[in-house]
Amino acid sequence: DNGIEQYDTDKPARYSMSSHLSARVGRLNPHWNAADQDPTAAFGKAMDMVSQEFKEQLDELVQSWLPGREVVAKAFQERKAAHPSGRIVQLSQYAPWKSHIY
């Protein structure tokens, strides 16, 4: 994330994303004029890269996101203890909360 919005309402995109997973996999293909045109080797590299990224994403979900969800859910259930209106939620500890609220 570079901090700049990619889209400004109905205007064309300010920039294009070229670092997404499918673009990185595509860059593993041999160049059209490469002497070694072994797509099987490129496929193996792609599988390794995608497998590693999948494992990292799964680890993030299991080790951080799901436990954070429990902290946020508990705080939401106990929100009236923080303020009688229930409009203030106080977390008992730091946790990634934004993705659980919105």
N, C-alpha and C. Protein backbone atom coordinates (compact mmCIF):
# COMPACT_ATOMS: atom_id res chain seq x y z
N ASP A 1 0.84 -1.17 0.00
CA ASP A 1 0.00 0.00 0.00
C ASP A 1 0.89 1.23 0.00
N ASN A 2 0.69 2.08 -0.98
CA ASN A 2 1.50 3.29 -1.08
C ASN A 2 0.82 4.52 -0.50
N GLY A 3 -0.37 4.35 0.05
CA GLY A 3 -1.08 5.46 0.67
C GLY A 3 -1.84 6.34 -0.30
N ILE A 4 -1.76 6.07 -1.58
CA ILE A 4 -2.47 6.86 -2.59
C ILE A 4 -3.63 6.04 -3.12
N GLU A 5 -4.82 6.63 -3.10
CA GLU A 5 -5.98 5.92 -3.62
C GLU A 5 -5.78 5.61 -5.09
N GLN A 6 -6.07 4.38 -5.48
CA GLN A 6 -5.91 3.98 -6.88
C GLN A 6 -6.99 4.63 -7.75
N TYR A 7 -8.20 4.75 -7.21
CA TYR A 7 -9.31 5.31 -7.96
C TYR A 7 -9.83 6.55 -7.27
N ASP A 8 -10.19 7.55 -8.06
CA ASP A 8 -10.80 8.78 -7.57
C ASP A 8 -12.18 8.87 -8.20
N THR A 9 -13.16 8.35 -7.56
CA THR A 9 -14.55 8.26 -8.03
C THR A 9 -14.63 7.63 -9.42
N ASP A 10 -15.11 8.38 -10.41
CA ASP A 10 -15.34 7.80 -11.73
C ASP A 10 -14.20 8.03 -12.71
N LYS A 11 -13.08 8.55 -12.25
CA LYS A 11 -11.94 8.81 -13.11
C LYS A 11 -11.15 7.52 -13.34
N PRO A 12 -10.34 7.46 -14.39
CA PRO A 12 -9.50 6.27 -14.61
C PRO A 12 -8.53 6.06 -13.45
N ALA A 13 -8.04 4.84 -13.33
CA ALA A 13 -7.10 4.52 -12.24
C ALA A 13 -5.86 5.41 -12.33
N ARG A 14 -5.36 5.83 -11.18
CA ARG A 14 -4.16 6.67 -11.14
C ARG A 14 -2.90 5.86 -11.44
N TYR A 15 -2.93 4.58 -11.17
CA TYR A 15 -1.80 3.69 -11.43
C TYR A 15 -2.33 2.27 -11.51
N SER A 16 -1.53 1.37 -12.00
CA SER A 16 -1.96 -0.03 -12.08
C SER A 16 -1.12 -0.86 -11.12
N MET A 17 -1.74 -1.90 -10.62
CA MET A 17 -1.05 -2.82 -9.71
C MET A 17 -0.38 -3.91 -10.54
N SER A 18 0.91 -4.08 -10.35
CA SER A 18 1.61 -5.12 -11.11
C SER A 18 2.33 -6.09 -10.19
N SER A 19 2.01 -6.05 -8.91
CA SER A 19 2.70 -6.94 -7.98
C SER A 19 1.76 -7.98 -7.37
N HIS A 20 0.56 -8.13 -7.96
CA HIS A 20 -0.37 -9.13 -7.43
C HIS A 20 0.12 -10.54 -7.79
N LEU A 21 -0.45 -11.52 -7.16
CA LEU A 21 0.02 -12.89 -7.29
C LEU A 21 0.05 -13.38 -8.74
N SER A 22 -1.01 -13.14 -9.48
CA SER A 22 -1.02 -13.65 -10.85
C SER A 22 0.05 -12.97 -11.71
N ALA A 23 0.35 -11.70 -11.45
CA ALA A 23 1.41 -11.02 -12.20
C ALA A 23 2.78 -11.62 -11.85
N ARG A 24 3.00 -11.91 -10.57
CA ARG A 24 4.27 -12.50 -10.16
C ARG A 24 4.44 -13.90 -10.75
N VAL A 25 3.36 -14.66 -10.80
CA VAL A 25 3.41 -15.99 -11.42
C VAL A 25 3.71 -15.85 -12.91
N GLY A 26 3.06 -14.91 -13.56
CA GLY A 26 3.28 -14.70 -14.98
C GLY A 26 4.71 -14.34 -15.31
N ARG A 27 5.36 -13.61 -14.42
CA ARG A 27 6.75 -13.22 -14.66
C ARG A 27 7.72 -14.40 -14.54
N LEU A 28 7.26 -15.51 -14.03
CA LEU A 28 8.11 -16.70 -13.95
C LEU A 28 8.19 -17.44 -15.29
N ASN A 29 7.28 -17.14 -16.21
CA ASN A 29 7.35 -17.78 -17.52
C ASN A 29 8.64 -17.37 -18.22
N PRO A 30 9.19 -18.28 -19.00
CA PRO A 30 10.41 -17.92 -19.74
C PRO A 30 10.12 -16.80 -20.75
N HIS A 31 11.11 -15.97 -21.01
CA HIS A 31 10.96 -14.94 -22.03
C HIS A 31 10.73 -15.61 -23.37
N TRP A 32 10.05 -14.95 -24.25
CA TRP A 32 9.73 -15.54 -25.55
C TRP A 32 10.97 -15.94 -26.32
N ASN A 33 12.08 -15.24 -26.09
CA ASN A 33 13.30 -15.52 -26.85
C ASN A 33 14.38 -16.20 -26.01
N ALA A 34 14.00 -16.74 -24.87
CA ALA A 34 14.97 -17.41 -24.00
C ALA A 34 15.41 -18.72 -24.64
N ALA A 35 16.67 -19.04 -24.46
CA ALA A 35 17.20 -20.29 -25.00
C ALA A 35 16.57 -21.49 -24.28
N ASP A 36 16.37 -21.35 -22.99
CA ASP A 36 15.78 -22.44 -22.20
C ASP A 36 14.28 -22.19 -22.06
N GLN A 37 13.48 -22.88 -22.81
CA GLN A 37 12.03 -22.73 -22.79
C GLN A 37 11.39 -23.90 -22.05
N ASP A 38 11.74 -24.08 -20.80
CA ASP A 38 11.24 -25.21 -20.01
C ASP A 38 10.05 -24.76 -19.16
N PRO A 39 8.83 -24.88 -19.68
CA PRO A 39 7.67 -24.44 -18.90
C PRO A 39 7.43 -25.28 -17.65
N THR A 40 7.92 -26.51 -17.64
CA THR A 40 7.76 -27.36 -16.46
C THR A 40 8.55 -26.80 -15.28
N ALA A 41 9.76 -26.31 -15.54
CA ALA A 41 10.56 -25.70 -14.48
C ALA A 41 9.90 -24.43 -13.97
N ALA A 42 9.37 -23.61 -14.91
CA ALA A 42 8.69 -22.38 -14.51
C ALA A 42 7.44 -22.70 -13.68
N PHE A 43 6.73 -23.75 -14.08
CA PHE A 43 5.54 -24.16 -13.34
C PHE A 43 5.91 -24.58 -11.92
N GLY A 44 7.01 -25.31 -11.78
CA GLY A 44 7.47 -25.73 -10.46
C GLY A 44 7.79 -24.54 -9.57
N LYS A 45 8.44 -23.54 -10.14
CA LYS A 45 8.75 -22.31 -9.38
C LYS A 45 7.46 -21.61 -8.96
N ALA A 46 6.51 -21.56 -9.89
CA ALA A 46 5.23 -20.92 -9.60
C ALA A 46 4.50 -21.65 -8.48
N MET A 47 4.51 -22.96 -8.53
CA MET A 47 3.85 -23.74 -7.47
C MET A 47 4.51 -23.49 -6.12
N ASP A 48 5.83 -23.43 -6.09
CA ASP A 48 6.54 -23.16 -4.83
C ASP A 48 6.16 -21.79 -4.29
N MET A 49 6.13 -20.78 -5.17
CA MET A 49 5.82 -19.42 -4.74
C MET A 49 4.39 -19.31 -4.22
N VAL A 50 3.44 -19.88 -4.96
CA VAL A 50 2.04 -19.81 -4.55
C VAL A 50 1.81 -20.60 -3.27
N SER A 51 2.46 -21.74 -3.15
CA SER A 51 2.35 -22.55 -1.93
C SER A 51 2.86 -21.78 -0.72
N GLN A 52 4.00 -21.13 -0.87
CA GLN A 52 4.56 -20.35 0.24
C GLN A 52 3.64 -19.20 0.63
N GLU A 53 3.10 -18.51 -0.37
CA GLU A 53 2.20 -17.39 -0.07
C GLU A 53 0.93 -17.89 0.60
N PHE A 54 0.40 -19.02 0.15
CA PHE A 54 -0.79 -19.59 0.77
C PHE A 54 -0.52 -19.92 2.23
N LYS A 55 0.61 -20.55 2.49
CA LYS A 55 0.97 -20.91 3.87
C LYS A 55 1.11 -19.68 4.75
N GLU A 56 1.71 -18.61 4.21
CA GLU A 56 1.87 -17.38 4.98
C GLU A 56 0.51 -16.75 5.28
N GLN A 57 -0.40 -16.74 4.30
CA GLN A 57 -1.73 -16.18 4.52
C GLN A 57 -2.50 -17.00 5.54
N LEU A 58 -2.42 -18.32 5.44
CA LEU A 58 -3.09 -19.19 6.39
C LEU A 58 -2.55 -18.99 7.79
N ASP A 59 -1.22 -18.88 7.91
CA ASP A 59 -0.61 -18.65 9.21
C ASP A 59 -1.08 -17.32 9.80
N GLU A 60 -1.16 -16.28 8.97
CA GLU A 60 -1.64 -14.97 9.44
C GLU A 60 -3.07 -15.08 9.96
N LEU A 61 -3.92 -15.80 9.25
CA LEU A 61 -5.31 -15.95 9.69
C LEU A 61 -5.40 -16.72 11.00
N VAL A 62 -4.70 -17.82 11.09
CA VAL A 62 -4.81 -18.70 12.26
C VAL A 62 -4.12 -18.09 13.48
N GLN A 63 -2.93 -17.53 13.30
CA GLN A 63 -2.14 -17.04 14.43
C GLN A 63 -2.49 -15.62 14.87
N SER A 64 -3.07 -14.81 13.99
CA SER A 64 -3.32 -13.41 14.34
C SER A 64 -4.77 -12.99 14.15
N TRP A 65 -5.30 -13.18 12.95
CA TRP A 65 -6.63 -12.64 12.66
C TRP A 65 -7.71 -13.30 13.51
N LEU A 66 -7.75 -14.62 13.57
CA LEU A 66 -8.79 -15.30 14.35
C LEU A 66 -8.69 -14.98 15.85
N PRO A 67 -7.50 -15.02 16.46
CA PRO A 67 -7.42 -14.62 17.87
C PRO A 67 -7.84 -13.15 18.08
N GLY A 68 -7.52 -12.30 17.12
CA GLY A 68 -7.95 -10.90 17.21
C GLY A 68 -9.45 -10.78 17.17
N ARG A 69 -10.07 -11.61 16.37
CA ARG A 69 -11.53 -11.60 16.28
C ARG A 69 -12.16 -11.91 17.64
N GLU A 70 -11.57 -12.85 18.37
CA GLU A 70 -12.09 -13.20 19.69
C GLU A 70 -11.98 -12.01 20.65
N VAL A 71 -10.85 -11.30 20.61
CA VAL A 71 -10.66 -10.12 21.47
C VAL A 71 -11.71 -9.06 21.15
N VAL A 72 -11.92 -8.80 19.87
CA VAL A 72 -12.89 -7.79 19.44
C VAL A 72 -14.31 -8.21 19.79
N ALA A 73 -14.64 -9.47 19.57
CA ALA A 73 -15.99 -9.95 19.89
C ALA A 73 -16.28 -9.82 21.38
N LYS A 74 -15.30 -10.15 22.21
CA LYS A 74 -15.48 -10.03 23.67
C LYS A 74 -15.66 -8.57 24.05
N ALA A 75 -14.85 -7.69 23.47
CA ALA A 75 -14.98 -6.26 23.76
C ALA A 75 -16.33 -5.73 23.32
N PHE A 76 -16.82 -6.20 22.18
CA PHE A 76 -18.12 -5.76 21.69
C PHE A 76 -19.23 -6.22 22.63
N GLN A 77 -19.13 -7.46 23.12
CA GLN A 77 -20.14 -7.98 24.05
C GLN A 77 -20.13 -7.19 25.36
N GLU A 78 -18.96 -6.71 25.77
CA GLU A 78 -18.82 -6.00 27.04
C GLU A 78 -18.78 -4.48 26.86
N ARG A 79 -19.22 -3.98 25.71
CA ARG A 79 -19.08 -2.56 25.39
C ARG A 79 -19.83 -1.63 26.34
N LYS A 80 -20.91 -2.10 26.93
CA LYS A 80 -21.67 -1.23 27.85
C LYS A 80 -20.94 -1.01 29.16
N ALA A 81 -19.94 -1.83 29.44
CA ALA A 81 -19.11 -1.60 30.63
C ALA A 81 -18.19 -0.41 30.40
N ALA A 82 -17.82 -0.16 29.14
CA ALA A 82 -16.96 0.98 28.81
C ALA A 82 -17.77 2.28 28.81
N HIS A 83 -19.02 2.20 28.33
CA HIS A 83 -19.91 3.37 28.30
C HIS A 83 -21.34 2.87 28.23
N PRO A 84 -22.24 3.44 29.03
CA PRO A 84 -23.62 2.95 29.08
C PRO A 84 -24.33 2.93 27.71
N SER A 85 -23.93 3.80 26.80
CA SER A 85 -24.58 3.85 25.50
C SER A 85 -24.21 2.65 24.63
N GLY A 86 -23.10 2.00 24.94
CA GLY A 86 -22.63 0.89 24.12
C GLY A 86 -21.95 1.34 22.84
N ARG A 87 -21.75 2.66 22.70
CA ARG A 87 -21.15 3.20 21.48
C ARG A 87 -19.62 3.26 21.55
N ILE A 88 -19.08 2.91 22.70
CA ILE A 88 -17.63 2.87 22.87
C ILE A 88 -17.23 1.43 23.17
N VAL A 89 -16.29 0.94 22.39
CA VAL A 89 -15.79 -0.42 22.58
C VAL A 89 -14.34 -0.31 23.05
N GLN A 90 -14.04 -0.90 24.19
CA GLN A 90 -12.69 -0.85 24.74
C GLN A 90 -12.08 -2.24 24.69
N LEU A 91 -11.00 -2.36 23.94
CA LEU A 91 -10.31 -3.65 23.84
C LEU A 91 -9.51 -3.90 25.11
N SER A 92 -9.46 -5.14 25.55
CA SER A 92 -8.70 -5.50 26.75
C SER A 92 -7.21 -5.55 26.46
N GLN A 93 -6.84 -5.64 25.18
CA GLN A 93 -5.45 -5.69 24.76
C GLN A 93 -5.39 -5.27 23.30
N TYR A 94 -4.19 -5.01 22.81
CA TYR A 94 -4.06 -4.67 21.41
C TYR A 94 -4.48 -5.88 20.56
N ALA A 95 -5.19 -5.60 19.50
CA ALA A 95 -5.58 -6.64 18.53
C ALA A 95 -5.91 -5.96 17.22
N PRO A 96 -5.73 -6.65 16.09
CA PRO A 96 -6.13 -6.09 14.80
C PRO A 96 -7.66 -6.02 14.73
N TRP A 97 -8.22 -4.85 14.94
CA TRP A 97 -9.66 -4.73 15.12
C TRP A 97 -10.42 -4.27 13.89
N LYS A 98 -9.81 -3.51 13.01
CA LYS A 98 -10.56 -2.90 11.90
C LYS A 98 -11.28 -3.90 11.02
N SER A 99 -10.62 -4.98 10.68
CA SER A 99 -11.25 -5.95 9.78
C SER A 99 -12.40 -6.72 10.45
N HIS A 100 -12.51 -6.61 11.75
CA HIS A 100 -13.60 -7.30 12.46
C HIS A 100 -14.79 -6.39 12.68
N ILE A 101 -14.58 -5.10 12.57
CA ILE A 101 -15.66 -4.13 12.78
C ILE A 101 -16.40 -3.85 11.47
N TYR A 102 -15.66 -3.68 10.42
CA TYR A 102 -16.26 -3.25 9.14
C TYR A 102 -16.66 -4.41 8.31
